Amino acid sequence: MSSDCIFCKIVAGQIPSKKVYEDDLVFAFHDIHPQRPVHILVIPKQHLCSLQEATPAHEAALGRILGIAGKLAAEAGSPGGFRVIINNGEIGCQEVPHLHAHIVGGDQPVGPMLKRQD
């Protein structure tokens, strides 16, 4: 745990969240500023800044994040599909320096992944 990391504090119960899932490797909760009707964050419990720092020791947690994404999306109201987004570093627009996957969806398509550059 990183003592100054907001997501580590959420996992430790020091900051409240609307938890939707927890096991020994990951913690999932509703985003406080949802961008879609379904917007859940899934984080590894062990502090990991980004995929840039991931090692084979993190593979179980990373796999779990993707392995539960469909279940969480369906249970939250997006059974017809969803998007998983993991931003990494400054160029990837990562806002919190603790790896997190956004599961976004709802009853309408989420739109294009990136704006096309002509």
Protein backbone atom coordinates (compact mmCIF):
# COMPACT_ATOMS: atom_id res chain seq x y z
CA MET A 1 0.00 0.00 0.00
CA SER A 2 1.16 3.49 -0.83
CA SER A 3 0.27 5.83 2.05
CA ASP A 4 -0.54 8.76 -0.25
CA CYS A 5 -2.49 6.83 -2.92
CA ILE A 6 -6.24 7.50 -2.98
CA PHE A 7 -7.00 4.03 -4.42
CA CYS A 8 -4.89 2.29 -1.75
CA LYS A 9 -6.89 4.24 0.84
CA ILE A 10 -10.13 3.05 -0.77
CA VAL A 11 -8.96 -0.58 -0.63
CA ALA A 12 -7.99 -0.11 3.04
CA GLY A 13 -11.44 1.31 3.86
CA GLN A 14 -10.03 4.72 4.79
CA ILE A 15 -12.05 6.41 2.03
CA PRO A 16 -15.62 5.25 1.34
CA SER A 17 -16.60 3.80 -2.02
CA LYS A 18 -19.56 2.06 -3.63
CA LYS A 19 -17.94 -1.36 -3.80
CA VAL A 20 -19.26 -3.83 -6.36
CA TYR A 21 -16.66 -6.60 -6.07
CA GLU A 22 -13.71 -7.64 -3.94
CA ASP A 23 -11.48 -10.69 -3.71
CA ASP A 24 -7.91 -11.35 -2.64
CA LEU A 25 -6.41 -9.66 -5.73
CA VAL A 26 -8.73 -6.87 -6.90
CA PHE A 27 -11.26 -4.32 -5.72
CA ALA A 28 -14.03 -2.83 -7.90
CA PHE A 29 -16.19 0.19 -7.23
CA HIS A 30 -18.40 2.74 -8.99
CA ASP A 31 -16.58 5.78 -10.39
CA ILE A 32 -17.53 8.94 -8.46
CA HIS A 33 -17.71 10.92 -11.75
CA PRO A 34 -19.27 8.39 -14.16
CA GLN A 35 -18.89 9.09 -17.86
CA ARG A 36 -21.46 6.46 -18.90
CA PRO A 37 -24.50 4.84 -17.22
CA VAL A 38 -22.16 1.98 -16.28
CA HIS A 39 -18.73 3.16 -15.07
CA ILE A 40 -16.86 0.86 -12.71
CA LEU A 41 -13.19 1.01 -11.74
CA VAL A 42 -11.32 -2.23 -11.08
CA ILE A 43 -7.95 -1.96 -9.34
CA PRO A 44 -5.34 -4.39 -8.09
CA LYS A 45 -5.21 -4.38 -4.30
CA GLN A 46 -1.42 -4.32 -4.42
CA HIS A 47 -0.19 -0.85 -5.38
CA LEU A 48 0.95 -0.79 -9.01
CA CYS A 49 1.36 2.59 -10.70
CA SER A 50 0.68 1.51 -14.30
CA LEU A 51 1.18 -1.22 -16.88
CA GLN A 52 4.59 0.31 -17.54
CA GLU A 53 5.70 -1.04 -14.16
CA ALA A 54 3.92 -4.40 -14.34
CA THR A 55 5.97 -7.56 -13.95
CA PRO A 56 5.12 -11.26 -14.09
CA ALA A 57 4.31 -11.00 -10.36
CA HIS A 58 1.29 -8.85 -11.27
CA GLU A 59 -0.14 -11.22 -13.89
CA ALA A 60 -2.72 -12.84 -11.61
CA ALA A 61 -4.27 -9.50 -10.64
CA LEU A 62 -4.15 -8.20 -14.21
CA GLY A 63 -5.82 -11.36 -15.45
CA ARG A 64 -8.48 -11.13 -12.76
CA ILE A 65 -9.31 -7.56 -13.81
CA LEU A 66 -10.10 -8.72 -17.34
CA GLY A 67 -11.62 -11.99 -16.18
CA ILE A 68 -14.35 -10.32 -14.11
CA ALA A 69 -15.04 -7.39 -16.46
CA GLY A 70 -17.92 -9.07 -18.31
CA LYS A 71 -19.63 -10.20 -15.11
CA LEU A 72 -19.36 -6.75 -13.53
CA ALA A 73 -20.60 -4.99 -16.69
CA ALA A 74 -23.60 -7.31 -17.02
CA GLU A 75 -24.53 -7.04 -13.34
CA ALA A 76 -24.31 -3.23 -13.53
CA GLY A 77 -26.65 -3.01 -16.53
CA SER A 78 -24.53 -3.47 -19.64
CA PRO A 79 -25.09 -7.10 -20.74
CA GLY A 80 -24.90 -6.21 -24.46
CA GLY A 81 -21.28 -5.12 -24.33
CA PHE A 82 -18.88 -2.72 -22.71
CA ARG A 83 -15.45 -1.16 -23.07
CA VAL A 84 -12.40 -1.67 -20.84
CA ILE A 85 -10.03 1.29 -20.72
CA ILE A 86 -6.65 1.38 -18.99
CA ASN A 87 -4.84 4.71 -19.25
CA ASN A 88 -1.08 4.63 -18.64
CA GLY A 89 1.21 7.51 -17.82
CA GLU A 90 1.01 11.14 -18.87
CA ILE A 91 0.59 10.45 -22.59
CA GLY A 92 -2.17 7.94 -21.84
CA CYS A 93 -3.95 10.55 -19.66
CA GLN A 94 -3.74 8.50 -16.46
CA GLU A 95 -5.11 10.68 -13.64
CA VAL A 96 -4.49 8.47 -10.58
CA PRO A 97 -1.08 6.78 -10.29
CA HIS A 98 -2.52 3.38 -9.35
CA LEU A 99 -3.38 1.06 -12.23
CA HIS A 100 -7.12 0.97 -12.80
CA ALA A 101 -9.40 -0.35 -15.50
CA HIS A 102 -12.54 1.57 -16.40
CA ILE A 103 -15.46 -0.66 -17.34
CA VAL A 104 -17.88 1.56 -19.24
CA GLY A 105 -21.14 0.77 -20.93
CA GLY A 106 -24.88 1.08 -20.69
CA ASP A 107 -27.74 0.76 -23.13
CA GLN A 108 -26.17 2.79 -25.99
CA PRO A 109 -22.90 2.33 -27.91
CA VAL A 110 -19.95 4.02 -26.21
CA GLY A 111 -18.80 5.69 -29.45
CA PRO A 112 -15.50 5.62 -31.31
CA MET A 113 -12.42 4.69 -29.36
CA LEU A 114 -10.31 7.57 -30.64
CA LYS A 115 -10.89 10.56 -32.86
CA ARG A 116 -9.57 9.81 -36.31
CA GLN A 117 -6.69 11.92 -37.50
CA ASP A 118 -7.01 12.64 -41.21
